[in-house]
């Protein structure tokens, strides 16, 4: 049978693992303690009839312990979920702790009030953006720098070894028969191809320059136009004799040549006329002492 007074005497005067002695007083670390102070009325172990409020992930619960369940440790505490509304939560506490000691009822309501205020402040602080102070991990930075240096030295060593082996291979030190990994062999082939392409580009000959007559196409078009009317007229006639067609074509060619020579001769005459007009006339006057007459000459 449980005796509350004997339990309190043992806990208070001998030893309690939840007790924390500080200069300001004695406190209790038990999560079911309703006030957090180590005394006879607030101790959850020395009171067979006890009630408290606890928080689980933002949800408040009312815990109650009675003497009838003292022989069942797994069912020792009865838990009732409290609503988020503060007034309704107080009503539920009054309903379940109607005939309990007033000290426990008052402390339960007081604990509910403090926990509600604390949750409101937590939500407000979570919404605010605050600066976060971060420490610089010096050991990790130094360790990473050492690893990078080691990796660089290892890479340089591998490259130097590869270069030495390639020089020996190209020098014929290993003879005609040697084993090379396919990966490295393909790499060497690709490098040789790139070098050959670059050399070809360097020694590429300069493009040849050619001079082409620019008005051949236009003359051919003129010939086609001149010949077009004649071809249409001849197509309408009866093609009895092929010799007559050839004579007609020869006559057309002669006319075209004659027309070109006449146009060229006219252009030359016009150029000479323009040049003669552009020359300035010079007036020269000559006086003789004996005669009063004047002679004028134009050049």
Protein backbone atom coordinates (compact mmCIF):
# COMPACT_ATOMS: atom_id res chain seq x y z
CA UNK A 1 0.00 0.00 0.00
CA UNK A 2 1.29 3.48 -0.94
CA UNK A 3 2.04 5.90 1.92
CA UNK A 4 2.67 9.50 0.73
CA UNK A 5 4.33 10.74 3.92
CA UNK A 6 6.89 7.94 4.05
CA UNK A 7 7.79 8.53 0.39
CA UNK A 8 8.28 12.26 0.99
CA UNK A 9 10.53 11.68 4.01
CA UNK A 10 12.73 9.32 2.05
CA UNK A 11 12.91 11.64 -0.97
CA UNK A 12 13.42 14.88 0.93
CA UNK A 13 15.95 13.82 3.54
CA UNK A 14 17.80 10.97 1.85
CA UNK A 15 18.11 11.15 -1.95
CA UNK A 16 16.05 12.14 -5.00
CA UNK A 17 17.39 11.94 -8.56
CA UNK A 18 15.05 14.76 -9.73
CA UNK A 19 16.16 17.26 -7.06
CA UNK A 20 18.38 20.20 -8.12
CA UNK A 21 19.88 22.18 -5.22
CA UNK A 22 20.73 25.79 -6.09
CA UNK A 23 21.62 28.78 -3.91
CA UNK A 24 18.17 30.27 -4.56
CA UNK A 25 16.36 27.05 -3.52
CA UNK A 26 15.57 23.43 -4.39
CA UNK A 27 14.02 22.67 -7.77
CA UNK A 28 12.56 19.52 -9.35
CA UNK A 29 13.45 18.16 -12.82
CA UNK A 30 10.47 15.79 -13.00
CA UNK A 31 8.43 16.59 -16.15
CA UNK A 32 5.16 15.96 -14.26
CA UNK A 33 5.90 18.60 -11.59
CA UNK A 34 3.27 21.33 -11.86
CA UNK A 35 5.35 24.18 -10.37
CA UNK A 36 8.96 23.04 -10.81
CA UNK A 37 9.70 23.55 -7.10
CA UNK A 38 10.68 20.71 -4.79
CA UNK A 39 8.15 20.75 -1.91
CA UNK A 40 5.55 18.49 -0.32
CA UNK A 41 2.48 19.79 -2.17
CA UNK A 42 4.17 19.95 -5.63
CA UNK A 43 5.99 16.60 -5.63
CA UNK A 44 4.40 14.18 -8.15
CA UNK A 45 5.96 11.16 -6.41
CA UNK A 46 4.78 11.89 -2.84
CA UNK A 47 1.17 12.69 -3.85
CA UNK A 48 -1.12 9.83 -4.84
CA UNK A 49 -3.68 12.31 -6.19
CA UNK A 50 -2.03 14.70 -8.62
CA UNK A 51 -2.78 16.74 -11.78
CA UNK A 52 -0.58 18.67 -14.22
CA UNK A 53 -0.43 20.17 -17.75
CA UNK A 54 2.05 18.97 -20.41
CA UNK A 55 2.85 20.01 -23.97
CA UNK A 56 3.30 17.58 -26.89
CA UNK A 57 4.24 19.29 -30.22
CA UNK A 58 2.15 22.39 -29.50
CA UNK A 59 -0.84 20.46 -28.14
CA UNK A 60 -1.69 20.74 -24.41
CA UNK A 61 -2.86 17.76 -22.33
CA UNK A 62 -4.28 17.48 -18.82
CA UNK A 63 -2.66 14.62 -16.84
CA UNK A 64 -4.38 13.22 -13.77
CA UNK A 65 -3.23 10.55 -11.29
CA UNK A 66 -5.44 8.76 -8.71
CA UNK A 67 -4.80 6.25 -5.93
CA UNK A 68 -7.05 3.67 -7.61
CA UNK A 69 -4.51 3.17 -10.43
CA UNK A 70 -1.41 3.07 -8.24
CA UNK A 71 -1.05 -0.68 -8.75
CA UNK A 72 -0.98 -0.22 -12.58
CA UNK A 73 2.13 1.76 -13.56
CA UNK A 74 1.29 1.53 -17.30
CA UNK A 75 -2.13 3.15 -16.66
CA UNK A 76 -1.10 5.46 -13.84
CA UNK A 77 -1.80 8.76 -15.67
CA UNK A 78 -5.07 9.70 -17.34
CA UNK A 79 -4.59 12.13 -20.27
CA UNK A 80 -7.21 14.58 -21.63
CA UNK A 81 -6.57 16.70 -24.71
CA UNK A 82 -7.25 20.42 -24.26
CA UNK A 83 -8.59 22.60 -27.12
CA UNK A 84 -6.64 25.55 -28.54
CA UNK A 85 -9.27 27.97 -27.25
CA UNK A 86 -8.07 29.20 -23.87
CA UNK A 87 -11.55 29.63 -22.34
CA UNK A 88 -12.73 26.18 -23.39
CA UNK A 89 -9.54 24.67 -22.00
CA UNK A 90 -10.25 26.31 -18.62
CA UNK A 91 -13.79 24.89 -18.67
CA UNK A 92 -12.47 21.37 -19.25
CA UNK A 93 -10.01 21.77 -16.35
CA UNK A 94 -12.85 22.89 -14.05
CA UNK A 95 -14.96 19.97 -15.20
CA UNK A 96 -12.34 17.25 -14.57
CA UNK A 97 -10.92 18.80 -11.36
CA UNK A 98 -14.23 19.71 -9.81
CA UNK A 99 -13.66 17.94 -6.44
CA UNK A 100 -9.87 18.15 -6.35
CA UNK A 101 -7.81 20.33 -4.02
CA UNK A 102 -7.97 24.01 -4.93
CA UNK A 103 -4.18 24.25 -4.92
CA UNK A 104 -3.91 21.77 -7.83
CA UNK A 105 -6.76 23.45 -9.75
CA UNK A 106 -5.20 26.90 -9.37
CA UNK A 107 -1.70 25.72 -10.34
CA UNK A 108 -3.05 23.80 -13.35
CA UNK A 109 -4.79 26.92 -14.68
CA UNK A 110 -1.72 29.03 -13.98
CA UNK A 111 0.50 26.56 -15.87
CA UNK A 112 -1.92 26.54 -18.81
CA UNK A 113 -1.80 30.35 -18.96
CA UNK A 114 2.00 30.47 -18.96
CA UNK A 115 2.30 27.76 -21.62
CA UNK A 116 -0.27 29.52 -23.85
CA UNK A 117 1.65 32.80 -23.65
CA UNK A 118 4.89 31.00 -24.39
CA UNK A 119 3.43 29.34 -27.51
CA UNK A 120 2.17 32.72 -28.80
CA UNK A 121 5.62 34.27 -28.37
CA UNK A 122 7.23 31.32 -30.14
CA UNK A 123 4.95 31.72 -33.16
CA UNK A 124 5.72 35.45 -33.38
CA UNK A 125 9.46 34.87 -33.19
CA UNK A 126 9.26 32.19 -35.88
CA UNK A 127 7.66 34.69 -38.28
CA UNK A 128 10.39 37.28 -37.75
CA UNK A 129 13.61 37.09 -39.78
CA UNK A 130 16.63 37.30 -37.55
CA UNK A 131 20.33 37.08 -38.22
CA UNK A 132 21.88 33.73 -37.54
CA UNK A 133 25.41 33.64 -36.21
CA UNK A 134 27.48 30.91 -37.83
CA UNK A 135 30.88 29.73 -36.73
CA UNK A 136 33.66 29.17 -39.26
CA UNK A 137 34.93 25.58 -39.15
CA UNK A 138 38.67 26.28 -39.21
CA UNK A 139 39.65 22.65 -38.82
CA UNK A 140 37.54 21.57 -41.78
CA UNK A 141 38.91 24.40 -43.95
CA UNK A 142 42.51 23.45 -43.13
CA UNK A 143 41.78 19.78 -43.76
CA UNK A 144 40.22 20.50 -47.15
CA UNK A 145 43.16 22.73 -48.18
CA UNK A 146 45.63 19.97 -47.28
CA UNK A 147 43.65 17.45 -49.29
CA UNK A 148 43.57 19.76 -52.32
CA UNK A 149 47.34 20.22 -52.20
CA UNK A 150 47.88 16.47 -51.98
CA UNK A 151 45.54 15.89 -54.92
CA UNK A 152 47.38 18.48 -57.03
CA UNK A 153 50.77 16.93 -56.31
CA UNK A 154 49.42 13.46 -57.13
CA UNK A 155 47.98 14.73 -60.43
CA UNK A 156 51.28 16.37 -61.38
CA UNK A 157 53.13 13.14 -60.55
CA UNK A 158 50.75 11.10 -62.72
CA UNK A 159 51.19 13.52 -65.62
CA UNK A 160 54.98 13.45 -65.34
CA UNK A 161 54.99 9.63 -65.29
CA UNK A 162 52.67 9.52 -68.33
CA UNK A 163 54.88 12.00 -70.19
CA UNK A 164 58.04 9.99 -69.44
CA UNK A 165 56.44 6.74 -70.61
CA UNK A 166 55.24 8.36 -73.84
CA UNK A 167 58.72 9.72 -74.53
CA UNK A 168 60.20 6.27 -74.03
CA UNK A 169 57.55 4.72 -76.25
CA UNK A 170 58.13 7.25 -79.02
CA UNK A 171 61.88 6.80 -78.69
CA UNK A 172 61.55 3.07 -79.37
CA UNK A 173 62.83 1.95 -75.98
CA UNK A 174 60.17 -0.74 -75.60
CA UNK A 175 60.55 -2.13 -79.12
CA UNK A 176 57.78 -2.94 -81.55
CA UNK A 177 55.68 -5.07 -79.18
CA UNK A 178 54.14 -3.37 -76.15
CA UNK A 179 50.85 -3.53 -74.28
CA UNK A 180 48.82 -0.34 -73.91
CA UNK A 181 45.39 0.04 -72.41
CA UNK A 182 42.71 0.76 -75.04
CA UNK A 183 41.72 3.96 -73.24
CA UNK A 184 45.23 5.43 -73.38
CA UNK A 185 45.77 4.15 -76.92
CA UNK A 186 42.64 5.93 -78.19
CA UNK A 187 43.69 9.08 -76.36
CA UNK A 188 47.09 9.07 -78.11
CA UNK A 189 45.44 8.53 -81.49
CA UNK A 190 43.09 11.46 -80.93
CA UNK A 191 45.98 13.74 -79.97
CA UNK A 192 47.93 12.75 -83.09
CA UNK A 193 44.91 13.43 -85.30
CA UNK A 194 44.44 16.86 -83.75
CA UNK A 195 48.11 17.69 -84.32
CA UNK A 196 47.91 16.60 -87.98
CA UNK A 197 44.81 18.73 -88.56
CA UNK A 198 46.46 21.78 -87.00
CA UNK A 199 49.56 21.33 -89.18
CA UNK A 200 47.44 21.04 -92.31
CA UNK A 201 45.66 24.26 -91.44
CA UNK A 202 48.97 26.06 -90.89
CA UNK A 203 50.50 24.99 -94.20
CA UNK A 204 47.34 25.47 -96.22
CA UNK A 205 48.05 27.17 -99.55
CA UNK A 206 46.72 30.61 -100.31
CA UNK A 207 43.63 30.74 -102.54
CA UNK A 208 44.30 31.38 -106.22
CA UNK A 209 43.08 34.65 -107.73
CA UNK A 210 41.34 34.51 -111.12
CA UNK A 211 40.12 37.31 -113.37
CA UNK A 212 36.85 36.75 -115.23
CA UNK A 213 35.10 38.87 -117.81
CA UNK A 214 32.09 40.47 -116.19
CA UNK A 215 29.82 41.35 -119.14
CA UNK A 216 29.63 38.01 -120.94
CA UNK A 217 26.28 37.17 -119.43
CA UNK A 218 24.80 40.53 -120.37
CA UNK A 219 25.97 40.25 -124.00
CA UNK A 220 24.53 36.76 -124.22
CA UNK A 221 21.19 38.06 -122.92
CA UNK A 222 21.22 40.83 -125.56
CA UNK A 223 21.97 38.29 -128.24
CA UNK A 224 19.10 36.15 -127.08
CA UNK A 225 16.73 39.13 -127.10
CA UNK A 226 17.80 40.15 -130.62
CA UNK A 227 17.48 36.65 -131.85
CA UNK A 228 14.12 36.08 -130.12
CA UNK A 229 12.02 38.10 -132.57
CA UNK A 230 13.69 36.55 -135.54
CA UNK A 231 13.20 33.05 -134.16
CA UNK A 232 9.50 33.72 -133.59
CA UNK A 233 9.05 35.04 -137.12
CA UNK A 234 10.88 32.11 -138.63
CA UNK A 235 8.86 29.62 -136.56
CA UNK A 236 5.66 31.00 -138.00
CA UNK A 237 6.94 30.53 -141.54
CA UNK A 238 7.16 27.20 -143.24
CA UNK A 239 10.57 25.62 -142.58
CA UNK A 240 11.09 24.25 -146.07
CA UNK A 241 14.78 24.76 -146.46
CA UNK A 242 17.45 24.75 -143.71
CA UNK A 243 19.89 26.70 -145.93
CA UNK A 244 17.61 29.75 -145.99
CA UNK A 245 17.51 29.77 -142.18
CA UNK A 246 21.29 29.83 -141.98
CA UNK A 247 21.49 32.75 -144.47
CA UNK A 248 18.87 34.65 -142.40
CA UNK A 249 20.95 34.14 -139.24
CA UNK A 250 24.10 35.35 -140.99
CA UNK A 251 22.30 38.49 -142.14
CA UNK A 252 21.08 39.18 -138.59
CA UNK A 253 24.62 38.82 -137.26
CA UNK A 254 25.92 41.22 -139.89
CA UNK A 255 23.30 43.82 -139.02
CA UNK A 256 24.11 43.52 -135.33
CA UNK A 257 27.86 43.99 -135.97
CA UNK A 258 27.19 46.96 -138.23
CA UNK A 259 24.91 48.52 -135.64
CA UNK A 260 27.56 48.16 -132.95
CA UNK A 261 30.27 49.72 -135.13
CA UNK A 262 28.02 52.69 -135.99
CA UNK A 263 27.15 53.28 -132.30
CA UNK A 264 30.86 53.14 -131.35
CA UNK A 265 31.76 55.64 -134.14
CA UNK A 266 29.02 58.03 -132.97
CA UNK A 267 30.26 57.85 -129.38
CA UNK A 268 33.81 58.71 -130.46
CA UNK A 269 32.61 61.75 -132.44
CA UNK A 270 30.55 63.00 -129.50
CA UNK A 271 33.58 62.71 -127.18
CA UNK A 272 35.76 64.72 -129.58
CA UNK A 273 33.12 67.44 -129.81
CA UNK A 274 32.87 67.69 -126.05
CA UNK A 275 36.66 68.01 -125.72
CA UNK A 276 36.83 70.74 -128.35
CA UNK A 277 34.08 72.69 -126.62
CA UNK A 278 35.82 72.44 -123.27
CA UNK A 279 39.04 74.09 -124.64
CA UNK A 280 39.18 77.84 -123.81
CA UNK A 281 39.70 80.37 -126.60
CA UNK A 282 42.78 82.71 -126.26
CA UNK A 283 42.62 86.20 -127.77
CA UNK A 284 45.99 87.74 -128.79
CA UNK A 285 46.31 91.39 -129.89
CA UNK A 286 49.38 92.64 -131.78
CA UNK A 287 50.14 96.39 -132.25
CA UNK A 288 52.58 97.84 -134.75
CA UNK A 289 54.15 101.21 -134.24
CA UNK A 290 53.86 102.19 -137.87
CA UNK A 291 50.32 101.23 -138.43
CA UNK A 292 47.42 101.99 -136.22
CA UNK A 293 45.76 98.78 -137.17
CA UNK A 294 45.52 95.97 -134.79
CA UNK A 295 45.71 92.33 -135.63
CA UNK A 296 43.85 89.83 -133.65
CA UNK A 297 44.38 86.14 -133.63
CA UNK A 298 42.50 83.45 -131.93
CA UNK A 299 43.94 80.15 -130.86
